[in-house]
PDB file of N, CA and C in Angstrom:
ATOM      1  N   ILE A   1       0.986  -1.065   0.069  1.00  0.00           N
ATOM      2  CA  ILE A   1      -0.065  -0.219   0.103  1.00  0.00           C
ATOM      3  C   ILE A   1       1.112   1.491   0.218  1.00  0.00           C
ATOM      4  N   ASP A   2       0.803   2.204  -1.016  1.00  0.00           N
ATOM      5  CA  ASP A   2       1.417   3.190  -0.591  1.00  0.00           C
ATOM      6  C   ASP A   2       0.536   4.333  -0.546  1.00  0.00           C
ATOM      7  N   VAL A   3       1.097   5.878   0.396  1.00  0.00           N
ATOM      8  CA  VAL A   3       0.806   6.175   1.379  1.00  0.00           C
ATOM      9  C   VAL A   3       0.521   7.162   0.287  1.00  0.00           C
ATOM     10  N   LYS A   4       0.855   7.524  -0.456  1.00  0.00           N
ATOM     11  CA  LYS A   4       0.850   8.588  -1.521  1.00  0.00           C
ATOM     12  C   LYS A   4       0.130   8.177  -3.018  1.00  0.00           C
ATOM     13  N   GLY A   5      -0.764   7.077  -3.102  1.00  0.00           N
ATOM     14  CA  GLY A   5      -1.635   6.263  -4.044  1.00  0.00           C
ATOM     15  C   GLY A   5      -2.678   7.073  -3.767  1.00  0.00           C
ATOM     16  N   ARG A   6      -3.622   5.946  -4.359  1.00  0.00           N
ATOM     17  CA  ARG A   6      -5.173   6.143  -4.309  1.00  0.00           C
ATOM     18  C   ARG A   6      -5.784   5.009  -3.751  1.00  0.00           C
ATOM     19  N   ASP A   7      -4.902   4.166  -3.102  1.00  0.00           N
ATOM     20  CA  ASP A   7      -5.233   2.946  -2.520  1.00  0.00           C
ATOM     21  C   ASP A   7      -6.106   3.543  -1.404  1.00  0.00           C
ATOM     22  N   TYR A   8      -7.226   3.852  -1.135  1.00  0.00           N
ATOM     23  CA  TYR A   8      -8.065   4.589   0.002  1.00  0.00           C
ATOM     24  C   TYR A   8      -8.160   3.337   1.450  1.00  0.00           C
ATOM     25  N   GLU A   9      -7.116   2.424   1.295  1.00  0.00           N
ATOM     26  CA  GLU A   9      -7.304   1.632   2.214  1.00  0.00           C
ATOM     27  C   GLU A   9      -6.667   2.257   4.031  1.00  0.00           C
ATOM     28  N   LEU A  10      -5.452   3.114   3.144  1.00  0.00           N
ATOM     29  CA  LEU A  10      -4.471   3.429   4.138  1.00  0.00           C
ATOM     30  C   LEU A  10      -4.575   5.162   3.478  1.00  0.00           C
ATOM     31  N   THR A  11      -4.967   5.887   4.720  1.00  0.00           N
ATOM     32  CA  THR A  11      -4.718   7.667   4.017  1.00  0.00           C
ATOM     33  C   THR A  11      -4.384   8.206   5.565  1.00  0.00           C
ATOM     34  N   PRO A  12      -2.987   7.937   5.569  1.00  0.00           N
ATOM     35  CA  PRO A  12      -2.738   8.586   6.946  1.00  0.00           C
ATOM     36  C   PRO A  12      -2.482  10.442   6.718  1.00  0.00           C
ATOM     37  N   PHE A  13      -2.161  10.233   5.177  1.00  0.00           N
ATOM     38  CA  PHE A  13      -1.792  12.292   5.435  1.00  0.00           C
ATOM     39  C   PHE A  13      -3.307  12.835   4.355  1.00  0.00           C
ATOM     40  N   GLY A  14      -4.325  12.080   4.048  1.00  0.00           N
ATOM     41  CA  GLY A  14      -5.478  12.576   3.609  1.00  0.00           C
ATOM     42  C   GLY A  14      -4.801  11.915   2.185  1.00  0.00           C
ATOM     43  N   ALA A  15      -5.984  12.511   1.085  1.00  0.00           N
ATOM     44  CA  ALA A  15      -6.274  11.630  -0.314  1.00  0.00           C
ATOM     45  C   ALA A  15      -6.544  13.057  -1.274  1.00  0.00           C
ATOM     46  N   GLY A  16      -6.145  12.598  -2.425  1.00  0.00           N
ATOM     47  CA  GLY A  16      -6.708  13.616  -2.917  1.00  0.00           C
ATOM     48  C   GLY A  16      -6.039  15.144  -2.790  1.00  0.00           C
ATOM     49  N   ARG A  17      -7.321  16.502  -2.958  1.00  0.00           N
ATOM     50  CA  ARG A  17      -6.972  17.658  -3.060  1.00  0.00           C
ATOM     51  C   ARG A  17      -6.907  18.081  -1.720  1.00  0.00           C
ATOM     52  N   ARG A  18      -7.319  17.466  -0.598  1.00  0.00           N
ATOM     53  CA  ARG A  18      -7.349  17.249   0.423  1.00  0.00           C
ATOM     54  C   ARG A  18      -5.970  16.659   0.803  1.00  0.00           C
ATOM     55  N   ILE A  19      -5.124  16.405   0.693  1.00  0.00           N
ATOM     56  CA  ILE A  19      -3.771  15.285   1.417  1.00  0.00           C
ATOM     57  C   ILE A  19      -2.836  16.487   2.158  1.00  0.00           C
ATOM     58  N   CYS A  20      -1.896  15.958   3.165  1.00  0.00           N
ATOM     59  CA  CYS A  20      -1.939  17.062   3.870  1.00  0.00           C
ATOM     60  C   CYS A  20      -0.303  17.735   3.152  1.00  0.00           C
ATOM     61  N   PRO A  21       0.104  18.843   3.176  1.00  0.00           N
ATOM     62  CA  PRO A  21       1.043  19.250   2.548  1.00  0.00           C
ATOM     63  C   PRO A  21       2.159  19.110   2.745  1.00  0.00           C
ATOM     64  N   GLY A  22       2.282  18.581   4.379  1.00  0.00           N
ATOM     65  CA  GLY A  22       3.830  18.105   4.619  1.00  0.00           C
ATOM     66  C   GLY A  22       4.136  17.084   4.659  1.00  0.00           C
ATOM     67  N   LEU A  23       3.266  16.075   3.525  1.00  0.00           N
ATOM     68  CA  LEU A  23       3.717  14.592   3.567  1.00  0.00           C
ATOM     69  C   LEU A  23       5.083  14.719   3.064  1.00  0.00           C
ATOM     70  N   PRO A  24       5.593  15.168   2.033  1.00  0.00           N
ATOM     71  CA  PRO A  24       6.992  14.740   1.530  1.00  0.00           C
ATOM     72  C   PRO A  24       8.450  15.019   3.256  1.00  0.00           C
ATOM     73  N   LEU A  25       7.790  15.989   3.591  1.00  0.00           N
ATOM     74  CA  LEU A  25       8.634  16.491   4.899  1.00  0.00           C
ATOM     75  C   LEU A  25       8.735  15.413   5.688  1.00  0.00           C
ATOM     76  N   ALA A  26       7.538  14.574   6.267  1.00  0.00           N
ATOM     77  CA  ALA A  26       7.082  13.641   7.262  1.00  0.00           C
ATOM     78  C   ALA A  26       8.194  12.309   6.546  1.00  0.00           C
ATOM     79  N   VAL A  27       7.415  11.941   4.915  1.00  0.00           N
ATOM     80  CA  VAL A  27       8.735  10.869   4.804  1.00  0.00           C
ATOM     81  C   VAL A  27       9.666  10.631   4.747  1.00  0.00           C
ATOM     82  N   LYS A  28      10.613  12.238   4.530  1.00  0.00           N
ATOM     83  CA  LYS A  28      12.343  11.956   4.681  1.00  0.00           C
ATOM     84  C   LYS A  28      12.304  12.268   6.159  1.00  0.00           C
ATOM     85  N   THR A  29      11.578  12.592   6.944  1.00  0.00           N
ATOM     86  CA  THR A  29      12.194  12.315   8.341  1.00  0.00           C
ATOM     87  C   THR A  29      12.047  11.408   9.343  1.00  0.00           C
ATOM     88  N   VAL A  30      10.729  11.227   9.061  1.00  0.00           N
ATOM     89  CA  VAL A  30      10.900  10.243   9.921  1.00  0.00           C
ATOM     90  C   VAL A  30      11.712   8.638   9.775  1.00  0.00           C
ATOM     91  N   SER A  31      12.338   8.596   8.967  1.00  0.00           N
ATOM     92  CA  SER A  31      13.197   6.908   8.714  1.00  0.00           C
ATOM     93  C   SER A  31      14.231   7.619   9.404  1.00  0.00           C
ATOM     94  N   LEU A  32      14.924   8.953   8.934  1.00  0.00           N
ATOM     95  CA  LEU A  32      15.829   9.804   9.648  1.00  0.00           C
ATOM     96  C   LEU A  32      16.013   9.571  11.566  1.00  0.00           C
ATOM     97  N   MET A  33      14.893  10.052  12.104  1.00  0.00           N
ATOM     98  CA  MET A  33      14.421  10.169  13.303  1.00  0.00           C
ATOM     99  C   MET A  33      14.905   8.902  14.198  1.00  0.00           C
ATOM    100  N   LEU A  34      14.122   8.034  13.296  1.00  0.00           N
ATOM    101  CA  LEU A  34      14.017   6.785  13.604  1.00  0.00           C
ATOM    102  C   LEU A  34      15.612   6.011  13.920  1.00  0.00           C
ATOM    103  N   ALA A  35      16.350   6.001  12.925  1.00  0.00           N
ATOM    104  CA  ALA A  35      17.550   5.800  12.842  1.00  0.00           C
ATOM    105  C   ALA A  35      18.624   6.078  13.343  1.00  0.00           C
ATOM    106  N   SER A  36      18.043   8.009  13.479  1.00  0.00           N
ATOM    107  CA  SER A  36      19.080   8.377  14.576  1.00  0.00           C
ATOM    108  C   SER A  36      18.935   7.799  16.008  1.00  0.00           C
ATOM    109  N   LEU A  37      17.839   7.549  16.794  1.00  0.00           N
ATOM    110  CA  LEU A  37      17.488   6.930  18.037  1.00  0.00           C
ATOM    111  C   LEU A  37      17.867   5.110  18.369  1.00  0.00           C
ATOM    112  N   LEU A  38      18.259   4.540  16.789  1.00  0.00           N
ATOM    113  CA  LEU A  38      18.631   3.292  16.813  1.00  0.00           C
ATOM    114  C   LEU A  38      20.388   3.454  16.983  1.00  0.00           C
ATOM    115  N   TYR A  39      20.589   4.231  16.341  1.00  0.00           N
ATOM    116  CA  TYR A  39      22.185   4.801  16.466  1.00  0.00           C
ATOM    117  C   TYR A  39      22.789   5.188  17.697  1.00  0.00           C
ATOM    118  N   SER A  40      21.784   6.027  18.339  1.00  0.00           N
ATOM    119  CA  SER A  40      22.502   6.536  19.826  1.00  0.00           C
ATOM    120  C   SER A  40      21.904   5.840  21.121  1.00  0.00           C
ATOM    121  N   PHE A  41      20.957   4.913  21.159  1.00  0.00           N
ATOM    122  CA  PHE A  41      20.577   4.315  22.218  1.00  0.00           C
ATOM    123  C   PHE A  41      20.716   2.828  21.885  1.00  0.00           C
ATOM    124  N   ASP A  42      21.121   2.234  23.270  1.00  0.00           N
ATOM    125  CA  ASP A  42      20.875   0.336  23.538  1.00  0.00           C
ATOM    126  C   ASP A  42      19.327   0.739  23.892  1.00  0.00           C
ATOM    127  N   TRP A  43      18.570  -0.643  23.478  1.00  0.00           N
ATOM    128  CA  TRP A  43      17.326  -0.369  24.077  1.00  0.00           C
ATOM    129  C   TRP A  43      17.110  -1.277  24.941  1.00  0.00           C
ATOM    130  N   LYS A  44      16.011  -1.347  25.965  1.00  0.00           N
ATOM    131  CA  LYS A  44      15.687  -2.368  26.614  1.00  0.00           C
ATOM    132  C   LYS A  44      14.536  -2.393  27.226  1.00  0.00           C
ATOM    133  N   LEU A  45      14.014  -3.757  27.951  1.00  0.00           N
ATOM    134  CA  LEU A  45      12.419  -3.550  28.534  1.00  0.00           C
ATOM    135  C   LEU A  45      12.272  -3.278  29.608  1.00  0.00           C
ATOM    136  N   PRO A  46      11.568  -2.982  30.393  1.00  0.00           N
ATOM    137  CA  PRO A  46      11.220  -2.765  31.796  1.00  0.00           C
ATOM    138  C   PRO A  46      11.356  -3.719  32.903  1.00  0.00           C
ATOM    139  N   ASN A  47      11.264  -3.656  33.799  1.00  0.00           N
ATOM    140  CA  ASN A  47      11.449  -4.985  34.957  1.00  0.00           C
ATOM    141  C   ASN A  47      11.645  -6.279  34.245  1.00  0.00           C
ATOM    142  N   GLY A  48      12.761  -6.488  33.760  1.00  0.00           N
ATOM    143  CA  GLY A  48      13.168  -7.946  33.442  1.00  0.00           C
ATOM    144  C   GLY A  48      11.921  -8.871  32.201  1.00  0.00           C
ATOM    145  N   ILE A  49      11.403  -8.303  31.998  1.00  0.00           N
ATOM    146  CA  ILE A  49      10.608  -8.537  30.713  1.00  0.00           C
ATOM    147  C   ILE A  49      11.256  -9.156  29.881  1.00  0.00           C
ATOM    148  N   VAL A  50      11.104 -10.315  29.416  1.00  0.00           N
ATOM    149  CA  VAL A  50      12.012 -10.778  28.098  1.00  0.00           C
ATOM    150  C   VAL A  50      10.981 -10.825  26.636  1.00  0.00           C
ATOM    151  N   PRO A  51      11.503 -10.937  25.512  1.00  0.00           N
ATOM    152  CA  PRO A  51      11.014 -10.357  24.708  1.00  0.00           C
ATOM    153  C   PRO A  51       9.927 -11.442  24.304  1.00  0.00           C
ATOM    154  N   GLU A  52      10.485 -12.704  24.824  1.00  0.00           N
ATOM    155  CA  GLU A  52       9.285 -13.937  24.428  1.00  0.00           C
ATOM    156  C   GLU A  52       7.494 -13.238  25.520  1.00  0.00           C
ATOM    157  N   ASP A  53       7.644 -12.625  25.988  1.00  0.00           N
ATOM    158  CA  ASP A  53       6.416 -12.256  26.778  1.00  0.00           C
ATOM    159  C   ASP A  53       5.835 -11.159  26.210  1.00  0.00           C
ATOM    160  N   LEU A  54       6.346 -10.336  25.376  1.00  0.00           N
ATOM    161  CA  LEU A  54       5.598  -9.471  25.098  1.00  0.00           C
ATOM    162  C   LEU A  54       4.294  -9.864  24.174  1.00  0.00           C
ATOM    163  N   ASP A  55       3.462  -8.758  24.698  1.00  0.00           N
ATOM    164  CA  ASP A  55       2.214  -8.834  23.540  1.00  0.00           C
ATOM    165  C   ASP A  55       1.713  -8.058  22.935  1.00  0.00           C
ATOM    166  N   MET A  56       1.563  -8.770  21.710  1.00  0.00           N
ATOM    167  CA  MET A  56       1.585  -8.220  20.054  1.00  0.00           C
ATOM    168  C   MET A  56       0.299  -8.212  19.621  1.00  0.00           C
ATOM    169  N   ASP A  57      -0.427  -8.113  20.850  1.00  0.00           N
ATOM    170  CA  ASP A  57      -2.026  -8.044  20.254  1.00  0.00           C
ATOM    171  C   ASP A  57      -2.401  -6.228  19.547  1.00  0.00           C
ATOM    172  N   GLU A  58      -2.973  -6.340  18.543  1.00  0.00           N
ATOM    173  CA  GLU A  58      -3.248  -5.118  18.062  1.00  0.00           C
ATOM    174  C   GLU A  58      -5.001  -4.985  18.314  1.00  0.00           C
ATOM    175  N   THR A  59      -4.860  -3.605  18.185  1.00  0.00           N
ATOM    176  CA  THR A  59      -6.613  -3.007  18.421  1.00  0.00           C
ATOM    177  C   THR A  59      -6.850  -2.200  17.079  1.00  0.00           C
ATOM    178  N   PHE A  60      -7.996  -2.924  16.442  1.00  0.00           N
ATOM    179  CA  PHE A  60      -8.748  -2.227  15.256  1.00  0.00           C
ATOM    180  C   PHE A  60      -9.386  -1.057  15.668  1.00  0.00           C
ATOM    181  N   GLY A  61      -9.379   0.036  14.561  1.00  0.00           N
ATOM    182  CA  GLY A  61      -9.986   1.598  14.916  1.00  0.00           C
ATOM    183  C   GLY A  61     -10.249   2.209  13.747  1.00  0.00           C
ATOM    184  N   ILE A  62      -9.692   3.616  13.728  1.00  0.00           N
ATOM    185  CA  ILE A  62      -9.509   4.103  12.419  1.00  0.00           C
ATOM    186  C   ILE A  62      -8.105   4.040  11.921  1.00  0.00           C
ATOM    187  N   THR A  63      -7.038   3.619  13.151  1.00  0.00           N
ATOM    188  CA  THR A  63      -5.812   3.513  13.162  1.00  0.00           C
ATOM    189  C   THR A  63      -5.528   2.422  13.850  1.00  0.00           C
ATOM    190  N   LEU A  64      -4.834   1.702  13.287  1.00  0.00           N
ATOM    191  CA  LEU A  64      -4.517   0.261  14.165  1.00  0.00           C
ATOM    192  C   LEU A  64      -2.906   0.863  15.038  1.00  0.00           C
ATOM    193  N   HIS A  65      -3.280   0.496  16.209  1.00  0.00           N
ATOM    194  CA  HIS A  65      -2.570   0.615  17.393  1.00  0.00           C
ATOM    195  C   HIS A  65      -2.444  -1.044  18.162  1.00  0.00           C
ATOM    196  N   LYS A  66      -1.255  -1.121  19.103  1.00  0.00           N
ATOM    197  CA  LYS A  66      -1.128  -1.799  19.893  1.00  0.00           C
ATOM    198  C   LYS A  66      -2.342  -2.336  21.148  1.00  0.00           C
ATOM    199  N   THR A  67      -2.958  -3.285  21.527  1.00  0.00           N
ATOM    200  CA  THR A  67      -3.805  -2.938  22.741  1.00  0.00           C
ATOM    201  C   THR A  67      -3.058  -2.775  23.901  1.00  0.00           C
ATOM    202  N   ASN A  68      -1.602  -3.109  24.168  1.00  0.00           N
ATOM    203  CA  ASN A  68      -1.104  -2.906  25.362  1.00  0.00           C
ATOM    204  C   ASN A  68       0.353  -2.289  24.788  1.00  0.00           C
ATOM    205  N   PRO A  69       0.775  -0.890  24.928  1.00  0.00           N
ATOM    206  CA  PRO A  69       1.673   0.079  24.593  1.00  0.00           C
ATOM    207  C   PRO A  69       3.297  -0.599  25.015  1.00  0.00           C
ATOM    208  N   LEU A  70       4.249  -0.765  23.577  1.00  0.00           N
ATOM    209  CA  LEU A  70       5.413  -0.978  24.576  1.00  0.00           C
ATOM    210  C   LEU A  70       6.101  -0.278  25.150  1.00  0.00           C
ATOM    211  N   HIS A  71       6.658  -0.601  25.924  1.00  0.00           N
ATOM    212  CA  HIS A  71       7.667   0.593  26.894  1.00  0.00           C
ATOM    213  C   HIS A  71       8.903  -0.154  27.075  1.00  0.00           C
ATOM    214  N   ALA A  72       9.900   0.901  26.347  1.00  0.00           N
ATOM    215  CA  ALA A  72      11.088   0.418  26.466  1.00  0.00           C
ATOM    216  C   ALA A  72      11.842   1.484  26.840  1.00  0.00           C
ATOM    217  N   ILE A  73      13.704   0.945  27.459  1.00  0.00           N
ATOM    218  CA  ILE A  73      14.018   1.981  28.027  1.00  0.00           C
ATOM    219  C   ILE A  73      15.063   2.054  26.879  1.00  0.00           C
ATOM    220  N   PRO A  74      15.648   3.778  26.903  1.00  0.00           N
ATOM    221  CA  PRO A  74      16.708   3.826  26.206  1.00  0.00           C
ATOM    222  C   PRO A  74      17.946   4.267  26.941  1.00  0.00           C
ATOM    223  N   ILE A  75      18.771   3.640  26.843  1.00  0.00           N
ATOM    224  CA  ILE A  75      20.404   3.793  26.977  1.00  0.00           C
ATOM    225  C   ILE A  75      21.039   4.324  26.158  1.00  0.00           C
ATOM    226  N   LYS A  76      21.838   5.656  26.802  1.00  0.00           N
ATOM    227  CA  LYS A  76      22.998   5.998  25.976  1.00  0.00           C
ATOM    228  C   LYS A  76      23.837   5.164  25.464  1.00  0.00           C
ATOM    229  N   LYS A  77      24.360   5.146  24.305  1.00  0.00           N
ATOM    230  CA  LYS A  77      25.483   4.295  24.098  1.00  0.00           C
ATOM    231  C   LYS A  77      26.764   5.382  24.269  1.00  0.00           C
ATOM    232  N   LYS A  78      27.772   4.591  24.688  1.00  0.00           N
ATOM    233  CA  LYS A  78      29.036   5.307  25.278  1.00  0.00           C
ATOM    234  C   LYS A  78      29.900   5.960  23.967  1.00  0.00           C
ATOM    235  N   ASN A  79      30.161   5.112  23.102  1.00  0.00           N
ATOM    236  CA  ASN A  79      30.986   5.234  21.964  1.00  0.00           C
ATOM    237  C   ASN A  79      30.546   6.236  21.076  1.00  0.00           C
ATOM    238  N   ALA A  80      28.668   6.586  20.820  1.00  0.00           N
ATOM    239  CA  ALA A  80      27.564   6.893  19.807  1.00  0.00           C
ATOM    240  C   ALA A  80      27.453   8.510  20.440  1.00  0.00           C
ATOM    241  N   PRO A  81      28.073   9.437  19.192  1.00  0.00           N
ATOM    242  CA  PRO A  81      27.252  10.985  19.662  1.00  0.00           C
ATOM    243  C   PRO A  81      26.100  11.073  19.317  1.00  0.00           C
ATOM    244  N   LEU A  82      25.260  11.859  20.270  1.00  0.00           N
ATOM    245  CA  LEU A  82      23.988  12.053  19.935  1.00  0.00           C
ATOM    246  C   LEU A  82      24.086  12.859  18.351  1.00  0.00           C
ATOM    247  N   ILE A  83      23.317  12.501  17.455  1.00  0.00           N
ATOM    248  CA  ILE A  83      23.467  12.936  16.179  1.00  0.00           C
ATOM    249  C   ILE A  83      22.392  14.733  16.819  1.00  0.00           C
ATOM    250  N   ASN A  84      22.779  15.554  16.051  1.00  0.00           N
ATOM    251  CA  ASN A  84      22.101  16.857  16.042  1.00  0.00           C
ATOM    252  C   ASN A  84      21.053  16.979  15.087  1.00  0.00           C
TER     253      ASN A  84
END
């Protein structure tokens, strides 16, 4: 499914003449922000939870989201500077 196409199953930024003007900016920056977070931090689960115990159930609505939100703790890497 392409967010810029005419597939109306997914319209996170609207469609047609009412499409969000910020779409090009969002498409370019979301991957950069995610890469920056993954590069700069190690991630752990709280309270000794192991990955096998994570609840991956989803709840359907206007948007699809996790039934129980994921809580992750960022730990700054010693050798990785924060990217500005």
